[in-house]
Structures are given as structure tokens and as C-alpha cells.
PDB file of N, CA and C in Angstrom:
ATOM      1  N   MET A   1     -16.642 -51.908   7.014  1.00  0.00           N
ATOM      2  CA  MET A   1     -16.327 -51.626   5.617  1.00  0.00           C
ATOM      3  C   MET A   1     -17.375 -50.653   5.062  1.00  0.00           C
ATOM      4  N   ASN A   2     -16.915 -49.630   4.383  1.00  0.00           N
ATOM      5  CA  ASN A   2     -17.802 -48.688   3.725  1.00  0.00           C
ATOM      6  C   ASN A   2     -18.278 -49.326   2.429  1.00  0.00           C
ATOM      7  N   SER A   3     -19.533 -49.758   2.403  1.00  0.00           N
ATOM      8  CA  SER A   3     -20.038 -50.551   1.281  1.00  0.00           C
ATOM      9  C   SER A   3     -20.887 -49.712   0.341  1.00  0.00           C
ATOM     10  N   GLN A   4     -20.904 -50.134  -0.910  1.00  0.00           N
ATOM     11  CA  GLN A   4     -21.740 -49.487  -1.912  1.00  0.00           C
ATOM     12  C   GLN A   4     -23.153 -50.079  -1.946  1.00  0.00           C
ATOM     13  N   TYR A   5     -23.417 -51.084  -1.124  1.00  0.00           N
ATOM     14  CA  TYR A   5     -24.673 -51.823  -1.198  1.00  0.00           C
ATOM     15  C   TYR A   5     -25.706 -51.268  -0.237  1.00  0.00           C
ATOM     16  N   ASN A   6     -26.927 -51.071  -0.744  1.00  0.00           N
ATOM     17  CA  ASN A   6     -28.014 -50.597   0.104  1.00  0.00           C
ATOM     18  C   ASN A   6     -28.758 -51.786   0.723  1.00  0.00           C
ATOM     19  N   THR A   7     -29.750 -51.498   1.549  1.00  0.00           N
ATOM     20  CA  THR A   7     -30.497 -52.541   2.246  1.00  0.00           C
ATOM     21  C   THR A   7     -31.156 -53.509   1.266  1.00  0.00           C
ATOM     22  N   GLY A   8     -31.704 -52.993   0.183  1.00  0.00           N
ATOM     23  CA  GLY A   8     -32.330 -53.857  -0.823  1.00  0.00           C
ATOM     24  C   GLY A   8     -31.328 -54.795  -1.462  1.00  0.00           C
ATOM     25  N   SER A   9     -30.148 -54.271  -1.802  1.00  0.00           N
ATOM     26  CA  SER A   9     -29.099 -55.109  -2.375  1.00  0.00           C
ATOM     27  C   SER A   9     -28.701 -56.209  -1.405  1.00  0.00           C
ATOM     28  N   ARG A  10     -28.532 -55.845  -0.140  1.00  0.00           N
ATOM     29  CA  ARG A  10     -28.124 -56.821   0.865  1.00  0.00           C
ATOM     30  C   ARG A  10     -29.182 -57.912   1.055  1.00  0.00           C
ATOM     31  N   LYS A  11     -30.454 -57.534   1.055  1.00  0.00           N
ATOM     32  CA  LYS A  11     -31.528 -58.538   1.192  1.00  0.00           C
ATOM     33  C   LYS A  11     -31.466 -59.562   0.061  1.00  0.00           C
ATOM     34  N   LEU A  12     -31.255 -59.079  -1.156  1.00  0.00           N
ATOM     35  CA  LEU A  12     -31.177 -59.993  -2.300  1.00  0.00           C
ATOM     36  C   LEU A  12     -29.894 -60.815  -2.269  1.00  0.00           C
ATOM     37  N   GLN A  13     -28.781 -60.213  -1.864  1.00  0.00           N
ATOM     38  CA  GLN A  13     -27.539 -60.964  -1.738  1.00  0.00           C
ATOM     39  C   GLN A  13     -27.689 -62.093  -0.723  1.00  0.00           C
ATOM     40  N   ASP A  14     -28.356 -61.806   0.392  1.00  0.00           N
ATOM     41  CA  ASP A  14     -28.581 -62.847   1.395  1.00  0.00           C
ATOM     42  C   ASP A  14     -29.528 -63.922   0.874  1.00  0.00           C
ATOM     43  N   ARG A  15     -30.565 -63.509   0.191  1.00  0.00           N
ATOM     44  CA  ARG A  15     -31.539 -64.473  -0.351  1.00  0.00           C
ATOM     45  C   ARG A  15     -30.896 -65.426  -1.355  1.00  0.00           C
ATOM     46  N   PHE A  16     -29.996 -64.894  -2.195  1.00  0.00           N
ATOM     47  CA  PHE A  16     -29.386 -65.707  -3.248  1.00  0.00           C
ATOM     48  C   PHE A  16     -27.936 -66.096  -2.934  1.00  0.00           C
ATOM     49  N   ASP A  17     -27.539 -65.906  -1.690  1.00  0.00           N
ATOM     50  CA  ASP A  17     -26.226 -66.318  -1.193  1.00  0.00           C
ATOM     51  C   ASP A  17     -25.075 -65.740  -2.028  1.00  0.00           C
ATOM     52  N   THR A  18     -25.136 -64.434  -2.279  1.00  0.00           N
ATOM     53  CA  THR A  18     -24.062 -63.775  -3.033  1.00  0.00           C
ATOM     54  C   THR A  18     -23.370 -62.670  -2.223  1.00  0.00           C
ATOM     55  N   ARG A  19     -23.706 -62.559  -0.934  1.00  0.00           N
ATOM     56  CA  ARG A  19     -23.104 -61.506  -0.110  1.00  0.00           C
ATOM     57  C   ARG A  19     -21.586 -61.639  -0.057  1.00  0.00           C
ATOM     58  N   ARG A  20     -21.069 -62.847   0.090  1.00  0.00           N
ATOM     59  CA  ARG A  20     -19.615 -63.023   0.163  1.00  0.00           C
ATOM     60  C   ARG A  20     -18.945 -62.564  -1.135  1.00  0.00           C
ATOM     61  N   LEU A  21     -19.555 -62.903  -2.261  1.00  0.00           N
ATOM     62  CA  LEU A  21     -19.017 -62.457  -3.551  1.00  0.00           C
ATOM     63  C   LEU A  21     -19.063 -60.931  -3.639  1.00  0.00           C
ATOM     64  N   ALA A  22     -20.193 -60.341  -3.264  1.00  0.00           N
ATOM     65  CA  ALA A  22     -20.331 -58.882  -3.311  1.00  0.00           C
ATOM     66  C   ALA A  22     -19.292 -58.207  -2.428  1.00  0.00           C
ATOM     67  N   ASP A  23     -19.076 -58.753  -1.234  1.00  0.00           N
ATOM     68  CA  ASP A  23     -18.079 -58.166  -0.331  1.00  0.00           C
ATOM     69  C   ASP A  23     -16.675 -58.298  -0.904  1.00  0.00           C
ATOM     70  N   ARG A  24     -16.394 -59.417  -1.548  1.00  0.00           N
ATOM     71  CA  ARG A  24     -15.065 -59.623  -2.148  1.00  0.00           C
ATOM     72  C   ARG A  24     -14.833 -58.642  -3.298  1.00  0.00           C
ATOM     73  N   LEU A  25     -15.855 -58.465  -4.132  1.00  0.00           N
ATOM     74  CA  LEU A  25     -15.733 -57.501  -5.228  1.00  0.00           C
ATOM     75  C   LEU A  25     -15.564 -56.083  -4.687  1.00  0.00           C
ATOM     76  N   ASP A  26     -16.326 -55.767  -3.651  1.00  0.00           N
ATOM     77  CA  ASP A  26     -16.223 -54.456  -3.023  1.00  0.00           C
ATOM     78  C   ASP A  26     -14.804 -54.247  -2.488  1.00  0.00           C
ATOM     79  N   GLU A  27     -14.278 -55.258  -1.830  1.00  0.00           N
ATOM     80  CA  GLU A  27     -12.923 -55.182  -1.274  1.00  0.00           C
ATOM     81  C   GLU A  27     -11.868 -55.062  -2.370  1.00  0.00           C
ATOM     82  N   ARG A  28     -12.019 -55.846  -3.424  1.00  0.00           N
ATOM     83  CA  ARG A  28     -11.008 -55.902  -4.484  1.00  0.00           C
ATOM     84  C   ARG A  28     -10.981 -54.638  -5.343  1.00  0.00           C
ATOM     85  N   PHE A  29     -12.161 -54.141  -5.705  1.00  0.00           N
ATOM     86  CA  PHE A  29     -12.201 -53.071  -6.694  1.00  0.00           C
ATOM     87  C   PHE A  29     -12.519 -51.697  -6.137  1.00  0.00           C
ATOM     88  N   ARG A  30     -13.228 -51.594  -5.075  1.00  0.00           N
ATOM     89  CA  ARG A  30     -13.671 -50.302  -4.589  1.00  0.00           C
ATOM     90  C   ARG A  30     -12.651 -49.626  -3.679  1.00  0.00           C
ATOM     91  N   SER A  31     -11.959 -50.375  -2.890  1.00  0.00           N
ATOM     92  CA  SER A  31     -11.131 -49.770  -1.853  1.00  0.00           C
ATOM     93  C   SER A  31      -9.730 -49.388  -2.327  1.00  0.00           C
ATOM     94  N   ARG A  32      -9.306 -49.837  -3.489  1.00  0.00           N
ATOM     95  CA  ARG A  32      -7.937 -49.593  -3.925  1.00  0.00           C
ATOM     96  C   ARG A  32      -7.699 -48.158  -4.342  1.00  0.00           C
ATOM     97  N   GLY A  33      -8.503 -47.643  -5.222  1.00  0.00           N
ATOM     98  CA  GLY A  33      -8.350 -46.262  -5.653  1.00  0.00           C
ATOM     99  C   GLY A  33      -7.251 -45.996  -6.664  1.00  0.00           C
ATOM    100  N   VAL A  34      -6.564 -47.047  -7.137  1.00  0.00           N
ATOM    101  CA  VAL A  34      -5.515 -46.871  -8.132  1.00  0.00           C
ATOM    102  C   VAL A  34      -5.615 -47.963  -9.192  1.00  0.00           C
ATOM    103  N   ILE A  35      -5.037 -47.685 -10.337  1.00  0.00           N
ATOM    104  CA  ILE A  35      -4.948 -48.666 -11.424  1.00  0.00           C
ATOM    105  C   ILE A  35      -3.612 -49.384 -11.247  1.00  0.00           C
ATOM    106  N   ASP A  36      -3.666 -50.698 -10.958  1.00  0.00           N
ATOM    107  CA  ASP A  36      -2.410 -51.435 -10.780  1.00  0.00           C
ATOM    108  C   ASP A  36      -2.001 -52.101 -12.099  1.00  0.00           C
ATOM    109  N   ASP A  37      -0.920 -52.865 -12.079  1.00  0.00           N
ATOM    110  CA  ASP A  37      -0.395 -53.485 -13.305  1.00  0.00           C
ATOM    111  C   ASP A  37      -1.375 -54.481 -13.919  1.00  0.00           C
ATOM    112  N   ASP A  38      -2.075 -55.264 -13.075  1.00  0.00           N
ATOM    113  CA  ASP A  38      -3.090 -56.190 -13.598  1.00  0.00           C
ATOM    114  C   ASP A  38      -4.211 -55.425 -14.294  1.00  0.00           C
ATOM    115  N   ASP A  39      -4.661 -54.332 -13.668  1.00  0.00           N
ATOM    116  CA  ASP A  39      -5.696 -53.494 -14.279  1.00  0.00           C
ATOM    117  C   ASP A  39      -5.218 -52.946 -15.621  1.00  0.00           C
ATOM    118  N   ARG A  40      -3.980 -52.450 -15.641  1.00  0.00           N
ATOM    119  CA  ARG A  40      -3.423 -51.872 -16.874  1.00  0.00           C
ATOM    120  C   ARG A  40      -3.426 -52.890 -18.006  1.00  0.00           C
ATOM    121  N   ARG A  41      -2.963 -54.094 -17.722  1.00  0.00           N
ATOM    122  CA  ARG A  41      -2.935 -55.129 -18.766  1.00  0.00           C
ATOM    123  C   ARG A  41      -4.343 -55.429 -19.268  1.00  0.00           C
ATOM    124  N   PHE A  42      -5.304 -55.508 -18.364  1.00  0.00           N
ATOM    125  CA  PHE A  42      -6.696 -55.764 -18.746  1.00  0.00           C
ATOM    126  C   PHE A  42      -7.238 -54.615 -19.600  1.00  0.00           C
ATOM    127  N   ILE A  43      -7.098 -53.401 -19.121  1.00  0.00           N
ATOM    128  CA  ILE A  43      -7.631 -52.222 -19.813  1.00  0.00           C
ATOM    129  C   ILE A  43      -7.033 -52.082 -21.206  1.00  0.00           C
ATOM    130  N   GLU A  44      -5.729 -52.235 -21.314  1.00  0.00           N
ATOM    131  CA  GLU A  44      -5.060 -51.963 -22.579  1.00  0.00           C
ATOM    132  C   GLU A  44      -5.271 -53.050 -23.631  1.00  0.00           C
ATOM    133  N   ARG A  45      -5.874 -54.160 -23.282  1.00  0.00           N
ATOM    134  CA  ARG A  45      -6.180 -55.166 -24.301  1.00  0.00           C
ATOM    135  C   ARG A  45      -7.656 -55.130 -24.741  1.00  0.00           C
ATOM    136  N   MET A  46      -8.449 -54.250 -24.154  1.00  0.00           N
ATOM    137  CA  MET A  46      -9.863 -54.150 -24.507  1.00  0.00           C
ATOM    138  C   MET A  46     -10.053 -53.378 -25.812  1.00  0.00           C
ATOM    139  N   ASP A  47     -11.159 -53.699 -26.510  1.00  0.00           N
ATOM    140  CA  ASP A  47     -11.478 -52.989 -27.748  1.00  0.00           C
ATOM    141  C   ASP A  47     -12.711 -52.100 -27.594  1.00  0.00           C
ATOM    142  N   MET A  48     -13.206 -51.978 -26.367  1.00  0.00           N
ATOM    143  CA  MET A  48     -14.360 -51.101 -26.121  1.00  0.00           C
ATOM    144  C   MET A  48     -14.522 -50.857 -24.634  1.00  0.00           C
ATOM    145  N   PHE A  49     -15.276 -49.798 -24.309  1.00  0.00           N
ATOM    146  CA  PHE A  49     -15.712 -49.528 -22.940  1.00  0.00           C
ATOM    147  C   PHE A  49     -16.911 -48.596 -23.018  1.00  0.00           C
ATOM    148  N   PHE A  50     -17.580 -48.394 -21.900  1.00  0.00           N
ATOM    149  CA  PHE A  50     -18.682 -47.450 -21.813  1.00  0.00           C
ATOM    150  C   PHE A  50     -18.240 -46.301 -20.920  1.00  0.00           C
ATOM    151  N   LEU A  51     -18.469 -45.096 -21.378  1.00  0.00           N
ATOM    152  CA  LEU A  51     -18.090 -43.895 -20.646  1.00  0.00           C
ATOM    153  C   LEU A  51     -19.354 -43.242 -20.096  1.00  0.00           C
ATOM    154  N   ALA A  52     -19.435 -43.118 -18.782  1.00  0.00           N
ATOM    155  CA  ALA A  52     -20.565 -42.457 -18.131  1.00  0.00           C
ATOM    156  C   ALA A  52     -20.130 -41.069 -17.685  1.00  0.00           C
ATOM    157  N   THR A  53     -20.911 -40.069 -18.066  1.00  0.00           N
ATOM    158  CA  THR A  53     -20.637 -38.684 -17.683  1.00  0.00           C
ATOM    159  C   THR A  53     -21.952 -38.062 -17.230  1.00  0.00           C
ATOM    160  N   ALA A  54     -21.867 -36.839 -16.735  1.00  0.00           N
ATOM    161  CA  ALA A  54     -23.063 -36.083 -16.357  1.00  0.00           C
ATOM    162  C   ALA A  54     -22.854 -34.639 -16.766  1.00  0.00           C
ATOM    163  N   ASP A  55     -23.944 -33.986 -17.132  1.00  0.00           N
ATOM    164  CA  ASP A  55     -23.838 -32.574 -17.486  1.00  0.00           C
ATOM    165  C   ASP A  55     -23.822 -31.723 -16.217  1.00  0.00           C
ATOM    166  N   ALA A  56     -23.785 -30.421 -16.364  1.00  0.00           N
ATOM    167  CA  ALA A  56     -23.685 -29.517 -15.215  1.00  0.00           C
ATOM    168  C   ALA A  56     -24.879 -29.634 -14.279  1.00  0.00           C
ATOM    169  N   ASP A  57     -26.020 -30.090 -14.799  1.00  0.00           N
ATOM    170  CA  ASP A  57     -27.211 -30.262 -13.968  1.00  0.00           C
ATOM    171  C   ASP A  57     -27.312 -31.664 -13.389  1.00  0.00           C
ATOM    172  N   GLY A  58     -26.346 -32.529 -13.700  1.00  0.00           N
ATOM    173  CA  GLY A  58     -26.351 -33.885 -13.175  1.00  0.00           C
ATOM    174  C   GLY A  58     -27.064 -34.907 -14.035  1.00  0.00           C
ATOM    175  N   ALA A  59     -27.529 -34.505 -15.230  1.00  0.00           N
ATOM    176  CA  ALA A  59     -28.199 -35.454 -16.122  1.00  0.00           C
ATOM    177  C   ALA A  59     -27.157 -36.416 -16.697  1.00  0.00           C
ATOM    178  N   PRO A  60     -27.392 -37.719 -16.565  1.00  0.00           N
ATOM    179  CA  PRO A  60     -26.392 -38.695 -17.002  1.00  0.00           C
ATOM    180  C   PRO A  60     -26.392 -38.950 -18.503  1.00  0.00           C
ATOM    181  N   GLN A  61     -25.241 -39.384 -18.977  1.00  0.00           N
ATOM    182  CA  GLN A  61     -25.051 -39.801 -20.373  1.00  0.00           C
ATOM    183  C   GLN A  61     -24.105 -40.997 -20.340  1.00  0.00           C
ATOM    184  N   CYS A  62     -24.417 -42.041 -21.074  1.00  0.00           N
ATOM    185  CA  CYS A  62     -23.521 -43.195 -21.149  1.00  0.00           C
ATOM    186  C   CYS A  62     -23.317 -43.529 -22.620  1.00  0.00           C
ATOM    187  N   SER A  63     -22.056 -43.606 -23.039  1.00  0.00           N
ATOM    188  CA  SER A  63     -21.735 -43.811 -24.446  1.00  0.00           C
ATOM    189  C   SER A  63     -20.751 -44.957 -24.633  1.00  0.00           C
ATOM    190  N   TYR A  64     -20.964 -45.716 -25.700  1.00  0.00           N
ATOM    191  CA  TYR A  64     -20.033 -46.748 -26.122  1.00  0.00           C
ATOM    192  C   TYR A  64     -18.817 -46.082 -26.753  1.00  0.00           C
ATOM    193  N   LYS A  65     -17.639 -46.555 -26.403  1.00  0.00           N
ATOM    194  CA  LYS A  65     -16.396 -46.089 -27.022  1.00  0.00           C
ATOM    195  C   LYS A  65     -15.644 -47.331 -27.483  1.00  0.00           C
ATOM    196  N   GLY A  66     -15.234 -47.372 -28.736  1.00  0.00           N
ATOM    197  CA  GLY A  66     -14.562 -48.559 -29.246  1.00  0.00           C
ATOM    198  C   GLY A  66     -13.426 -48.227 -30.188  1.00  0.00           C
ATOM    199  N   GLY A  67     -12.543 -49.206 -30.351  1.00  0.00           N
ATOM    200  CA  GLY A  67     -11.397 -49.072 -31.240  1.00  0.00           C
ATOM    201  C   GLY A  67     -10.600 -50.362 -31.226  1.00  0.00           C
ATOM    202  N   ASP A  68      -9.472 -50.346 -31.866  1.00  0.00           N
ATOM    203  CA  ASP A  68      -8.597 -51.513 -31.854  1.00  0.00           C
ATOM    204  C   ASP A  68      -8.065 -51.729 -30.438  1.00  0.00           C
ATOM    205  N   PRO A  69      -7.813 -52.996 -30.058  1.00  0.00           N
ATOM    206  CA  PRO A  69      -7.216 -53.230 -28.740  1.00  0.00           C
ATOM    207  C   PRO A  69      -5.995 -52.332 -28.552  1.00  0.00           C
ATOM    208  N   GLY A  70      -5.925 -51.725 -27.380  1.00  0.00           N
ATOM    209  CA  GLY A  70      -4.841 -50.788 -27.103  1.00  0.00           C
ATOM    210  C   GLY A  70      -5.221 -49.339 -27.316  1.00  0.00           C
ATOM    211  N   PHE A  71      -6.448 -49.068 -27.800  1.00  0.00           N
ATOM    212  CA  PHE A  71      -6.831 -47.678 -28.030  1.00  0.00           C
ATOM    213  C   PHE A  71      -6.986 -46.909 -26.721  1.00  0.00           C
ATOM    214  N   VAL A  72      -7.165 -47.621 -25.619  1.00  0.00           N
ATOM    215  CA  VAL A  72      -7.153 -46.992 -24.294  1.00  0.00           C
ATOM    216  C   VAL A  72      -5.795 -47.285 -23.680  1.00  0.00           C
ATOM    217  N   ARG A  73      -5.140 -46.244 -23.184  1.00  0.00           N
ATOM    218  CA  ARG A  73      -3.830 -46.401 -22.549  1.00  0.00           C
ATOM    219  C   ARG A  73      -3.903 -45.931 -21.105  1.00  0.00           C
ATOM    220  N   VAL A  74      -3.162 -46.594 -20.255  1.00  0.00           N
ATOM    221  CA  VAL A  74      -3.032 -46.184 -18.864  1.00  0.00           C
ATOM    222  C   VAL A  74      -1.785 -45.317 -18.759  1.00  0.00           C
ATOM    223  N   LEU A  75      -1.979 -44.053 -18.383  1.00  0.00           N
ATOM    224  CA  LEU A  75      -0.853 -43.125 -18.285  1.00  0.00           C
ATOM    225  C   LEU A  75      -0.168 -43.197 -16.924  1.00  0.00           C
ATOM    226  N   ASP A  76      -0.968 -43.405 -15.891  1.00  0.00           N
ATOM    227  CA  ASP A  76      -0.433 -43.581 -14.541  1.00  0.00           C
ATOM    228  C   ASP A  76      -1.513 -44.245 -13.698  1.00  0.00           C
ATOM    229  N   GLN A  77      -1.319 -44.318 -12.408  1.00  0.00           N
ATOM    230  CA  GLN A  77      -2.244 -45.047 -11.531  1.00  0.00           C
ATOM    231  C   GLN A  77      -3.628 -44.421 -11.428  1.00  0.00           C
ATOM    232  N   HIS A  78      -3.797 -43.218 -11.964  1.00  0.00           N
ATOM    233  CA  HIS A  78      -5.078 -42.517 -11.852  1.00  0.00           C
ATOM    234  C   HIS A  78      -5.626 -42.010 -13.183  1.00  0.00           C
ATOM    235  N   THR A  79      -4.897 -42.235 -14.297  1.00  0.00           N
ATOM    236  CA  THR A  79      -5.245 -41.568 -15.543  1.00  0.00           C
ATOM    237  C   THR A  79      -5.297 -42.525 -16.725  1.00  0.00           C
ATOM    238  N   LEU A  80      -6.414 -42.447 -17.469  1.00  0.00           N
ATOM    239  CA  LEU A  80      -6.580 -43.175 -18.728  1.00  0.00           C
ATOM    240  C   LEU A  80      -6.570 -42.170 -19.866  1.00  0.00           C
ATOM    241  N   ALA A  81      -6.103 -42.597 -21.034  1.00  0.00           N
ATOM    242  CA  ALA A  81      -6.152 -41.761 -22.236  1.00  0.00           C
ATOM    243  C   ALA A  81      -6.789 -42.578 -23.349  1.00  0.00           C
ATOM    244  N   PHE A  82      -7.678 -41.937 -24.098  1.00  0.00           N
ATOM    245  CA  PHE A  82      -8.320 -42.595 -25.228  1.00  0.00           C
ATOM    246  C   PHE A  82      -8.666 -41.546 -26.268  1.00  0.00           C
ATOM    247  N   PRO A  83      -8.710 -41.961 -27.541  1.00  0.00           N
ATOM    248  CA  PRO A  83      -9.049 -40.996 -28.593  1.00  0.00           C
ATOM    249  C   PRO A  83     -10.528 -40.653 -28.554  1.00  0.00           C
ATOM    250  N   ASN A  84     -10.851 -39.440 -28.966  1.00  0.00           N
ATOM    251  CA  ASN A  84     -12.244 -39.040 -29.092  1.00  0.00           C
ATOM    252  C   ASN A  84     -12.608 -39.036 -30.572  1.00  0.00           C
ATOM    253  N   TYR A  85     -13.212 -40.120 -31.017  1.00  0.00           N
ATOM    254  CA  TYR A  85     -13.666 -40.200 -32.408  1.00  0.00           C
ATOM    255  C   TYR A  85     -14.947 -39.401 -32.550  1.00  0.00           C
ATOM    256  N   ASP A  86     -15.103 -38.719 -33.664  1.00  0.00           N
ATOM    257  CA  ASP A  86     -16.254 -37.842 -33.883  1.00  0.00           C
ATOM    258  C   ASP A  86     -17.582 -38.576 -33.747  1.00  0.00           C
ATOM    259  N   GLY A  87     -17.671 -39.811 -34.208  1.00  0.00           N
ATOM    260  CA  GLY A  87     -18.929 -40.554 -34.096  1.00  0.00           C
ATOM    261  C   GLY A  87     -20.059 -39.824 -34.777  1.00  0.00           C
ATOM    262  N   ASN A  88     -21.101 -39.518 -34.023  1.00  0.00           N
ATOM    263  CA  ASN A  88     -22.277 -38.869 -34.600  1.00  0.00           C
ATOM    264  C   ASN A  88     -22.210 -37.348 -34.529  1.00  0.00           C
ATOM    265  N   GLY A  89     -21.112 -36.796 -34.048  1.00  0.00           N
ATOM    266  CA  GLY A  89     -20.933 -35.347 -34.036  1.00  0.00           C
ATOM    267  C   GLY A  89     -21.682 -34.622 -32.937  1.00  0.00           C
ATOM    268  N   MET A  90     -22.298 -35.335 -32.022  1.00  0.00           N
ATOM    269  CA  MET A  90     -23.064 -34.692 -30.949  1.00  0.00           C
ATOM    270  C   MET A  90     -22.184 -34.228 -29.791  1.00  0.00           C
ATOM    271  N   TYR A  91     -21.068 -34.899 -29.550  1.00  0.00           N
ATOM    272  CA  TYR A  91     -20.128 -34.556 -28.484  1.00  0.00           C
ATOM    273  C   TYR A  91     -20.780 -34.483 -27.108  1.00  0.00           C
ATOM    274  N   LEU A  92     -21.705 -35.394 -26.845  1.00  0.00           N
ATOM    275  CA  LEU A  92     -22.366 -35.397 -25.551  1.00  0.00           C
ATOM    276  C   LEU A  92     -21.393 -35.711 -24.415  1.00  0.00           C
ATOM    277  N   SER A  93     -20.622 -36.791 -24.555  1.00  0.00           N
ATOM    278  CA  SER A  93     -19.679 -37.158 -23.494  1.00  0.00           C
ATOM    279  C   SER A  93     -18.611 -36.105 -23.303  1.00  0.00           C
ATOM    280  N   MET A  94     -17.956 -35.713 -24.389  1.00  0.00           N
ATOM    281  CA  MET A  94     -16.868 -34.742 -24.264  1.00  0.00           C
ATOM    282  C   MET A  94     -17.382 -33.377 -23.833  1.00  0.00           C
ATOM    283  N   GLY A  95     -18.571 -33.005 -24.258  1.00  0.00           N
ATOM    284  CA  GLY A  95     -19.179 -31.770 -23.782  1.00  0.00           C
ATOM    285  C   GLY A  95     -19.402 -31.816 -22.266  1.00  0.00           C
ATOM    286  N   ASN A  96     -19.850 -32.974 -21.774  1.00  0.00           N
ATOM    287  CA  ASN A  96     -20.033 -33.123 -20.331  1.00  0.00           C
ATOM    288  C   ASN A  96     -18.696 -33.047 -19.600  1.00  0.00           C
ATOM    289  N   VAL A  97     -17.668 -33.668 -20.163  1.00  0.00           N
ATOM    290  CA  VAL A  97     -16.348 -33.618 -19.538  1.00  0.00           C
ATOM    291  C   VAL A  97     -15.867 -32.152 -19.457  1.00  0.00           C
ATOM    292  N   LEU A  98     -16.054 -31.388 -20.505  1.00  0.00           N
ATOM    293  CA  LEU A  98     -15.644 -29.990 -20.485  1.00  0.00           C
ATOM    294  C   LEU A  98     -16.459 -29.162 -19.492  1.00  0.00           C
ATOM    295  N   GLU A  99     -17.757 -29.485 -19.386  1.00  0.00           N
ATOM    296  CA  GLU A  99     -18.654 -28.703 -18.565  1.00  0.00           C
ATOM    297  C   GLU A  99     -18.617 -29.093 -17.094  1.00  0.00           C
ATOM    298  N   ASN A 100     -18.370 -30.365 -16.836  1.00  0.00           N
ATOM    299  CA  ASN A 100     -18.510 -30.871 -15.467  1.00  0.00           C
ATOM    300  C   ASN A 100     -17.239 -31.581 -15.051  1.00  0.00           C
TER     301      ASN A 100
END
């Protein structure tokens, strides 16, 4: 299995007996590559999420995005849609999306 866990993660998982859980999560969420119906129902009832982006140089940005439940919609198995509220007017996330 192509795992996201490094040697340090594995050592701690073994020490605290969480390797089986980590492998199950890896199997369930990492290998699918699509948004299924269960995912859609979960996503579309949320009232917030965090959006991680990076600029052209790879500098990360993580922003809170919130709204009424249903403000995020699943358009298909690979695409989410959500409104871009002005917030503080900095447009860090959306600027990164346009740039990178």
C-alpha cells in the first residue's frame, strides 16, 4: 500500500497501537480519489471548512470558510463549489487559486 505515513508516524502508531486505524483511514479516504454519495451528504451539510492553498512559490495559506449548511455543493465526483465571500478583502486563497 502506498502510505502517507513516514517512519516517525509509524513508530508512534506502533507505540500507541493506532497503526490499524491509520491503515484503515488511509485505505478508506486516500485511495478512492472520488467524492461518493456518502461524502456528498457529509460535505453538503457542513457549515464550514478550511481551504489550504499555496502561492506560486509554494508558500502555504490556510483559511476558514463558513456559511449556512449547504453553502458547499458537490458538482460531480471531483468538483466542489462554494461562494467566495469578501471577508477581509485580502483574497489570499483565491489569489493563490488563480496563480497556482
